[in-house]
Amino acid sequence: MEKRIELTEQEKQVIDKQLKGELNPFFLEDWEREAIDAVTKKALALMDELKAYEESGDDLIAWFWSKYQAQQAEG
């Protein structure tokens, strides 16, 4: 069984910015860089845990966010 995905408010903010195309890797504030790095690590770990290499597609963050939202809907 997969672990529960836990995200901080800052991590949710950078995911939102990333999905809207507003996160520019060349102009990140320190907190944004730390948050997106943490999200990426969590997403890669989940992808490995689920062996979801094909399922995650070409947008790891969008895939991870959909997993988080599904988890939230389940309660």
N, C-alpha and C. Protein backbone atom coordinates (compact mmCIF):
# COMPACT_ATOMS: atom_id res chain seq x y z
N MET A 1 0.85 -1.20 0.00
CA MET A 1 0.00 0.00 0.00
C MET A 1 0.88 1.25 0.00
N GLU A 2 0.51 2.20 -0.82
CA GLU A 2 1.33 3.40 -0.91
C GLU A 2 1.17 4.29 0.32
N LYS A 3 2.23 5.02 0.60
CA LYS A 3 2.23 5.94 1.74
C LYS A 3 1.36 7.15 1.42
N ARG A 4 0.88 7.76 2.48
CA ARG A 4 0.08 8.98 2.33
C ARG A 4 1.00 10.12 1.86
N ILE A 5 0.53 10.86 0.89
CA ILE A 5 1.28 12.00 0.37
C ILE A 5 1.02 13.19 1.30
N GLU A 6 2.08 13.73 1.83
CA GLU A 6 1.99 14.91 2.71
C GLU A 6 2.67 16.07 2.00
N LEU A 7 1.96 17.19 1.89
CA LEU A 7 2.51 18.39 1.26
C LEU A 7 2.34 19.60 2.17
N THR A 8 3.37 20.43 2.21
CA THR A 8 3.27 21.68 2.95
C THR A 8 2.52 22.70 2.09
N GLU A 9 2.12 23.80 2.71
CA GLU A 9 1.45 24.85 1.95
C GLU A 9 2.36 25.41 0.86
N GLN A 10 3.66 25.57 1.17
CA GLN A 10 4.60 26.07 0.16
C GLN A 10 4.72 25.10 -1.00
N GLU A 11 4.74 23.81 -0.71
CA GLU A 11 4.82 22.81 -1.78
C GLU A 11 3.58 22.88 -2.66
N LYS A 12 2.41 23.06 -2.05
CA LYS A 12 1.18 23.19 -2.84
C LYS A 12 1.23 24.44 -3.71
N GLN A 13 1.79 25.52 -3.17
CA GLN A 13 1.90 26.76 -3.94
C GLN A 13 2.79 26.59 -5.17
N VAL A 14 3.93 25.93 -5.00
CA VAL A 14 4.82 25.77 -6.17
C VAL A 14 4.24 24.79 -7.18
N ILE A 15 3.51 23.80 -6.71
CA ILE A 15 2.85 22.89 -7.65
C ILE A 15 1.84 23.67 -8.47
N ASP A 16 1.06 24.52 -7.81
CA ASP A 16 0.08 25.34 -8.52
C ASP A 16 0.76 26.23 -9.55
N LYS A 17 1.85 26.88 -9.14
CA LYS A 17 2.59 27.73 -10.07
C LYS A 17 3.15 26.92 -11.24
N GLN A 18 3.68 25.74 -10.95
CA GLN A 18 4.24 24.89 -11.99
C GLN A 18 3.17 24.49 -13.00
N LEU A 19 2.01 24.09 -12.50
CA LEU A 19 0.93 23.64 -13.38
C LEU A 19 0.37 24.78 -14.23
N LYS A 20 0.47 26.01 -13.72
CA LYS A 20 0.01 27.18 -14.47
C LYS A 20 1.09 27.73 -15.39
N GLY A 21 2.29 27.14 -15.34
CA GLY A 21 3.39 27.62 -16.17
C GLY A 21 4.03 28.88 -15.64
N GLU A 22 3.84 29.17 -14.37
CA GLU A 22 4.35 30.40 -13.77
C GLU A 22 5.66 30.22 -13.02
N LEU A 23 6.19 29.01 -13.00
CA LEU A 23 7.42 28.75 -12.24
C LEU A 23 8.60 28.72 -13.22
N ASN A 24 9.40 29.77 -13.19
CA ASN A 24 10.56 29.87 -14.07
C ASN A 24 11.79 29.40 -13.32
N PRO A 25 12.42 28.31 -13.75
CA PRO A 25 13.57 27.77 -13.01
C PRO A 25 14.76 28.73 -12.91
N PHE A 26 14.79 29.74 -13.77
CA PHE A 26 15.90 30.68 -13.74
C PHE A 26 15.68 31.84 -12.76
N PHE A 27 14.44 31.99 -12.32
CA PHE A 27 14.11 33.12 -11.45
C PHE A 27 13.32 32.67 -10.21
N LEU A 28 13.74 31.58 -9.61
CA LEU A 28 13.06 31.07 -8.42
C LEU A 28 13.59 31.76 -7.16
N GLU A 29 12.66 32.02 -6.25
CA GLU A 29 13.08 32.46 -4.92
C GLU A 29 13.58 31.23 -4.20
N ASP A 30 14.37 31.43 -3.15
CA ASP A 30 14.94 30.29 -2.42
C ASP A 30 13.88 29.32 -1.93
N TRP A 31 12.79 29.84 -1.36
CA TRP A 31 11.74 28.97 -0.84
C TRP A 31 11.08 28.16 -1.95
N GLU A 32 10.96 28.78 -3.15
CA GLU A 32 10.36 28.06 -4.28
C GLU A 32 11.27 26.93 -4.73
N ARG A 33 12.55 27.20 -4.79
CA ARG A 33 13.52 26.17 -5.21
C ARG A 33 13.50 25.00 -4.22
N GLU A 34 13.50 25.31 -2.94
CA GLU A 34 13.47 24.25 -1.92
C GLU A 34 12.19 23.45 -2.00
N ALA A 35 11.07 24.14 -2.20
CA ALA A 35 9.77 23.47 -2.24
C ALA A 35 9.64 22.59 -3.49
N ILE A 36 10.05 23.09 -4.65
CA ILE A 36 9.90 22.28 -5.87
C ILE A 36 10.88 21.11 -5.85
N ASP A 37 12.05 21.30 -5.25
CA ASP A 37 12.98 20.17 -5.08
C ASP A 37 12.37 19.09 -4.19
N ALA A 38 11.73 19.50 -3.10
CA ALA A 38 11.09 18.55 -2.19
C ALA A 38 9.95 17.81 -2.89
N VAL A 39 9.14 18.54 -3.65
CA VAL A 39 8.03 17.93 -4.37
C VAL A 39 8.55 16.94 -5.40
N THR A 40 9.59 17.31 -6.12
CA THR A 40 10.16 16.42 -7.13
C THR A 40 10.68 15.14 -6.49
N LYS A 41 11.35 15.26 -5.36
CA LYS A 41 11.86 14.07 -4.66
C LYS A 41 10.71 13.17 -4.22
N LYS A 42 9.66 13.76 -3.68
CA LYS A 42 8.49 12.98 -3.25
C LYS A 42 7.83 12.30 -4.45
N ALA A 43 7.72 13.03 -5.56
CA ALA A 43 7.09 12.47 -6.76
C ALA A 43 7.90 11.32 -7.32
N LEU A 44 9.21 11.48 -7.38
CA LEU A 44 10.07 10.41 -7.88
C LEU A 44 10.00 9.18 -6.98
N ALA A 45 9.96 9.40 -5.67
CA ALA A 45 9.87 8.28 -4.74
C ALA A 45 8.55 7.53 -4.92
N LEU A 46 7.46 8.26 -5.11
CA LEU A 46 6.16 7.62 -5.32
C LEU A 46 6.14 6.87 -6.65
N MET A 47 6.70 7.48 -7.67
CA MET A 47 6.77 6.83 -8.98
C MET A 47 7.53 5.50 -8.86
N ASP A 48 8.66 5.52 -8.15
CA ASP A 48 9.44 4.30 -7.95
C ASP A 48 8.65 3.27 -7.14
N GLU A 49 8.01 3.74 -6.06
CA GLU A 49 7.25 2.84 -5.18
C GLU A 49 6.14 2.13 -5.96
N LEU A 50 5.45 2.89 -6.82
CA LEU A 50 4.33 2.33 -7.58
C LEU A 50 4.76 1.71 -8.90
N LYS A 51 6.06 1.83 -9.23
CA LYS A 51 6.57 1.37 -10.53
C LYS A 51 5.73 1.99 -11.66
N ALA A 52 5.45 3.28 -11.49
CA ALA A 52 4.54 3.99 -12.39
C ALA A 52 5.30 4.81 -13.42
N TYR A 53 6.35 4.24 -13.97
CA TYR A 53 7.21 4.98 -14.89
C TYR A 53 6.46 5.43 -16.14
N GLU A 54 5.61 4.58 -16.66
CA GLU A 54 4.84 4.96 -17.85
C GLU A 54 3.62 5.78 -17.48
N GLU A 55 3.00 5.43 -16.36
CA GLU A 55 1.79 6.13 -15.91
C GLU A 55 2.06 7.60 -15.65
N SER A 56 3.24 7.91 -15.13
CA SER A 56 3.54 9.31 -14.78
C SER A 56 3.69 10.19 -16.01
N GLY A 57 3.93 9.59 -17.15
CA GLY A 57 3.98 10.35 -18.40
C GLY A 57 5.10 11.37 -18.46
N ASP A 58 4.84 12.45 -19.19
CA ASP A 58 5.90 13.44 -19.41
C ASP A 58 5.80 14.62 -18.45
N ASP A 59 4.84 14.58 -17.51
CA ASP A 59 4.72 15.66 -16.53
C ASP A 59 4.60 15.06 -15.14
N LEU A 60 5.73 14.84 -14.52
CA LEU A 60 5.80 14.20 -13.21
C LEU A 60 5.00 14.97 -12.16
N ILE A 61 5.09 16.29 -12.18
CA ILE A 61 4.42 17.10 -11.16
C ILE A 61 2.90 17.01 -11.33
N ALA A 62 2.40 17.06 -12.55
CA ALA A 62 0.95 16.93 -12.79
C ALA A 62 0.46 15.55 -12.35
N TRP A 63 1.22 14.51 -12.64
CA TRP A 63 0.87 13.16 -12.22
C TRP A 63 0.82 13.07 -10.70
N PHE A 64 1.84 13.61 -10.04
CA PHE A 64 1.92 13.59 -8.58
C PHE A 64 0.75 14.36 -7.97
N TRP A 65 0.42 15.51 -8.53
CA TRP A 65 -0.68 16.32 -8.03
C TRP A 65 -2.00 15.57 -8.17
N SER A 66 -2.19 14.84 -9.26
CA SER A 66 -3.42 14.07 -9.43
C SER A 66 -3.51 12.96 -8.39
N LYS A 67 -2.39 12.35 -8.06
CA LYS A 67 -2.36 11.33 -7.00
C LYS A 67 -2.71 11.95 -5.66
N TYR A 68 -2.19 13.13 -5.39
CA TYR A 68 -2.48 13.83 -4.14
C TYR A 68 -3.97 14.17 -4.06
N GLN A 69 -4.52 14.70 -5.14
CA GLN A 69 -5.92 15.08 -5.14
C GLN A 69 -6.83 13.85 -4.97
N ALA A 70 -6.48 12.75 -5.60
CA ALA A 70 -7.27 11.52 -5.44
C ALA A 70 -7.23 11.06 -3.99
N GLN A 71 -6.07 11.15 -3.38
CA GLN A 71 -5.93 10.78 -1.97
C GLN A 71 -6.79 11.68 -1.08
N GLN A 72 -6.80 12.98 -1.37
CA GLN A 72 -7.59 13.92 -0.58
C GLN A 72 -9.08 13.62 -0.72
N ALA A 73 -9.49 13.24 -1.92
CA ALA A 73 -10.91 12.94 -2.17
C ALA A 73 -11.34 11.69 -1.40
N GLU A 74 -10.42 10.76 -1.22
CA GLU A 74 -10.72 9.54 -0.48
C GLU A 74 -10.80 9.78 1.02
N GLY A 75 -10.12 10.83 1.45
CA GLY A 75 -10.16 11.17 2.88
C GLY A 75 -9.09 10.63 3.64
